[in-house]
C-alpha atoms as a PDB file:
ATOM      1  CA  GLN A   1     131.906 196.256-140.248  1.00  0.00           C
ATOM      2  CA  VAL A   2     134.189 194.304-137.976  1.00  0.00           C
ATOM      3  CA  GLN A   3     136.891 191.969-139.163  1.00  0.00           C
ATOM      4  CA  LEU A   4     138.163 189.152-136.945  1.00  0.00           C
ATOM      5  CA  VAL A   5     141.435 187.335-137.514  1.00  0.00           C
ATOM      6  CA  GLU A   6     142.278 184.246-135.485  1.00  0.00           C
ATOM      7  CA  SER A   7     145.653 182.655-134.923  1.00  0.00           C
ATOM      8  CA  GLY A   8     147.219 180.006-132.746  1.00  0.00           C
ATOM      9  CA  GLY A   9     145.614 176.773-133.856  1.00  0.00           C
ATOM     10  CA  GLY A  10     147.583 173.646-134.623  1.00  0.00           C
ATOM     11  CA  LEU A  11     148.268 170.033-133.778  1.00  0.00           C
ATOM     12  CA  VAL A  12     148.934 169.026-130.189  1.00  0.00           C
ATOM     13  CA  GLN A  13     149.001 165.807-128.226  1.00  0.00           C
ATOM     14  CA  ALA A  14     146.386 165.038-125.635  1.00  0.00           C
ATOM     15  CA  GLY A  15     147.198 166.782-122.369  1.00  0.00           C
ATOM     16  CA  GLY A  16     148.948 169.626-124.146  1.00  0.00           C
ATOM     17  CA  SER A  17     148.106 173.304-124.412  1.00  0.00           C
ATOM     18  CA  LEU A  18     147.382 175.863-127.080  1.00  0.00           C
ATOM     19  CA  ARG A  19     146.576 179.553-126.997  1.00  0.00           C
ATOM     20  CA  LEU A  20     144.273 181.096-129.558  1.00  0.00           C
ATOM     21  CA  SER A  21     144.197 184.805-130.333  1.00  0.00           C
ATOM     22  CA  CYS A  22     141.646 186.888-132.195  1.00  0.00           C
ATOM     23  CA  VAL A  23     142.163 190.500-133.201  1.00  0.00           C
ATOM     24  CA  ALA A  24     139.210 192.691-134.115  1.00  0.00           C
ATOM     25  CA  SER A  25     139.544 195.607-136.517  1.00  0.00           C
ATOM     26  CA  GLY A  26     137.223 197.996-138.301  1.00  0.00           C
ATOM     27  CA  THR A  27     134.329 199.599-136.473  1.00  0.00           C
ATOM     28  CA  VAL A  28     135.184 197.995-133.147  1.00  0.00           C
ATOM     29  CA  PHE A  29     133.369 200.486-130.968  1.00  0.00           C
ATOM     30  CA  SER A  30     130.386 199.095-129.096  1.00  0.00           C
ATOM     31  CA  ILE A  31     131.611 195.518-129.311  1.00  0.00           C
ATOM     32  CA  ASN A  32     130.141 194.054-126.150  1.00  0.00           C
ATOM     33  CA  VAL A  33     130.782 190.349-126.260  1.00  0.00           C
ATOM     34  CA  MET A  34     133.736 188.531-127.754  1.00  0.00           C
ATOM     35  CA  GLY A  35     134.148 184.832-127.632  1.00  0.00           C
ATOM     36  CA  TRP A  36     134.988 181.490-129.121  1.00  0.00           C
ATOM     37  CA  TYR A  37     132.869 178.810-130.709  1.00  0.00           C
ATOM     38  CA  ARG A  38     133.898 175.521-132.269  1.00  0.00           C
ATOM     39  CA  GLN A  39     132.602 173.117-134.847  1.00  0.00           C
ATOM     40  CA  ALA A  40     133.691 169.520-135.118  1.00  0.00           C
ATOM     41  CA  PRO A  41     133.091 167.473-138.298  1.00  0.00           C
ATOM     42  CA  GLY A  42     129.458 166.458-138.561  1.00  0.00           C
ATOM     43  CA  LYS A  43     128.434 168.530-135.564  1.00  0.00           C
ATOM     44  CA  GLN A  44     126.817 171.907-135.027  1.00  0.00           C
ATOM     45  CA  ARG A  45     128.794 174.937-134.018  1.00  0.00           C
ATOM     46  CA  GLU A  46     128.830 175.268-130.247  1.00  0.00           C
ATOM     47  CA  LEU A  47     129.794 177.863-127.699  1.00  0.00           C
ATOM     48  CA  VAL A  48     133.165 177.438-126.019  1.00  0.00           C
ATOM     49  CA  ALA A  49     133.571 180.638-124.015  1.00  0.00           C
ATOM     50  CA  THR A  50     132.531 184.276-124.111  1.00  0.00           C
ATOM     51  CA  MET A  51     133.503 187.400-122.259  1.00  0.00           C
ATOM     52  CA  THR A  52     131.797 190.774-122.061  1.00  0.00           C
ATOM     53  CA  THR A  53     133.613 194.078-122.082  1.00  0.00           C
ATOM     54  CA  GLY A  54     132.977 194.235-118.364  1.00  0.00           C
ATOM     55  CA  GLY A  55     134.650 190.889-117.780  1.00  0.00           C
ATOM     56  CA  THR A  56     131.693 188.564-117.318  1.00  0.00           C
ATOM     57  CA  THR A  57     132.511 185.117-118.661  1.00  0.00           C
ATOM     58  CA  ASP A  58     130.547 182.096-119.779  1.00  0.00           C
ATOM     59  CA  TYR A  59     132.001 178.667-120.476  1.00  0.00           C
ATOM     60  CA  ALA A  60     130.711 175.466-121.956  1.00  0.00           C
ATOM     61  CA  THR A  61     130.534 172.735-119.345  1.00  0.00           C
ATOM     62  CA  ALA A  62     132.943 170.585-121.348  1.00  0.00           C
ATOM     63  CA  VAL A  63     135.770 173.118-121.067  1.00  0.00           C
ATOM     64  CA  LYS A  64     135.285 174.549-117.582  1.00  0.00           C
ATOM     65  CA  GLY A  65     138.454 174.294-115.559  1.00  0.00           C
ATOM     66  CA  ARG A  66     140.585 173.639-118.643  1.00  0.00           C
ATOM     67  CA  PHE A  67     140.046 176.681-120.868  1.00  0.00           C
ATOM     68  CA  THR A  68     140.391 180.330-119.920  1.00  0.00           C
ATOM     69  CA  ILE A  69     139.131 183.267-121.951  1.00  0.00           C
ATOM     70  CA  SER A  70     140.632 186.715-121.584  1.00  0.00           C
ATOM     71  CA  ARG A  71     140.433 190.061-123.345  1.00  0.00           C
ATOM     72  CA  ASP A  72     142.658 193.032-123.932  1.00  0.00           C
ATOM     73  CA  ASN A  73     140.107 195.726-124.711  1.00  0.00           C
ATOM     74  CA  ALA A  74     142.800 198.254-125.587  1.00  0.00           C
ATOM     75  CA  LYS A  75     144.071 195.896-128.285  1.00  0.00           C
ATOM     76  CA  ASN A  76     140.625 194.643-129.312  1.00  0.00           C
ATOM     77  CA  THR A  77     141.933 191.140-128.793  1.00  0.00           C
ATOM     78  CA  VAL A  78     140.444 188.075-127.187  1.00  0.00           C
ATOM     79  CA  TYR A  79     142.429 185.014-126.166  1.00  0.00           C
ATOM     80  CA  LEU A  80     141.583 181.423-125.377  1.00  0.00           C
ATOM     81  CA  GLN A  81     144.086 179.509-123.286  1.00  0.00           C
ATOM     82  CA  MET A  82     143.392 175.813-123.696  1.00  0.00           C
ATOM     83  CA  ASN A  83     145.009 173.408-121.249  1.00  0.00           C
ATOM     84  CA  THR A  84     144.718 169.671-120.743  1.00  0.00           C
ATOM     85  CA  LEU A  85     143.446 169.274-124.275  1.00  0.00           C
ATOM     86  CA  LYS A  86     141.493 166.163-125.200  1.00  0.00           C
ATOM     87  CA  PRO A  87     140.897 164.529-128.579  1.00  0.00           C
ATOM     88  CA  GLU A  88     137.248 165.591-128.328  1.00  0.00           C
ATOM     89  CA  ASP A  89     138.416 169.223-128.382  1.00  0.00           C
ATOM     90  CA  THR A  90     139.399 168.730-132.019  1.00  0.00           C
ATOM     91  CA  ALA A  91     137.437 171.230-134.104  1.00  0.00           C
ATOM     92  CA  VAL A  92     137.608 174.429-136.072  1.00  0.00           C
ATOM     93  CA  TYR A  93     137.546 177.270-133.571  1.00  0.00           C
ATOM     94  CA  TYR A  94     135.815 180.489-134.566  1.00  0.00           C
ATOM     95  CA  CYS A  95     136.143 183.900-132.999  1.00  0.00           C
ATOM     96  CA  ASN A  96     132.905 185.830-132.562  1.00  0.00           C
ATOM     97  CA  ALA A  97     132.065 189.429-131.752  1.00  0.00           C
ATOM     98  CA  GLU A  98     128.684 190.884-130.888  1.00  0.00           C
ATOM     99  CA  GLN A  99     128.131 194.571-131.436  1.00  0.00           C
ATOM    100  CA  TYR A 100     125.326 196.756-130.170  1.00  0.00           C
ATOM    101  CA  VAL A 101     124.814 200.203-131.671  1.00  0.00           C
ATOM    102  CA  LEU A 102     121.683 201.837-130.253  1.00  0.00           C
ATOM    103  CA  THR A 103     119.022 199.300-131.186  1.00  0.00           C
ATOM    104  CA  ASP A 104     121.034 197.555-133.866  1.00  0.00           C
ATOM    105  CA  TYR A 105     122.688 194.225-133.189  1.00  0.00           C
ATOM    106  CA  SER A 106     125.385 192.667-135.349  1.00  0.00           C
ATOM    107  CA  THR A 107     127.439 189.525-135.009  1.00  0.00           C
ATOM    108  CA  TYR A 108     130.703 188.823-136.752  1.00  0.00           C
ATOM    109  CA  TRP A 109     132.776 185.683-137.296  1.00  0.00           C
ATOM    110  CA  GLY A 110     136.392 185.001-138.030  1.00  0.00           C
ATOM    111  CA  GLN A 111     137.541 182.542-140.668  1.00  0.00           C
ATOM    112  CA  GLY A 112     138.291 179.835-138.136  1.00  0.00           C
ATOM    113  CA  THR A 113     141.443 178.107-136.980  1.00  0.00           C
ATOM    114  CA  GLN A 114     141.908 174.347-136.827  1.00  0.00           C
ATOM    115  CA  VAL A 115     142.745 172.701-133.525  1.00  0.00           C
ATOM    116  CA  THR A 116     143.643 169.019-133.685  1.00  0.00           C
ATOM    117  CA  VAL A 117     144.346 166.992-130.557  1.00  0.00           C
ATOM    118  CA  SER A 118     145.913 163.595-131.085  1.00  0.00           C
ATOM    119  CA  SER A 119     145.476 160.746-128.647  1.00  0.00           C
END
């Protein structure tokens, strides 16, 4: 099992910045992908950004150029630097980890952290 704990959410004005952190613990070996998803009220959870252990990244179109994902593999931590925040970025942000062990695949979620951007 893998446990994910997020931190760094909060309230910020439009145009501001926040940095989210997510620390993985437990059986963290073979975690390949770590990333961030978000869910706004009344909407489905959507991908924000992911990064593989090798450094390959993927971003949602809506956040490209404003958000940056990074990882510290030695600390089993993934970060999301969010700049130029917009009110539409308001959501609960969830950390995600995907683990591959031989042919088994598992996905894990954190408890979520609220990000609110005021206009």
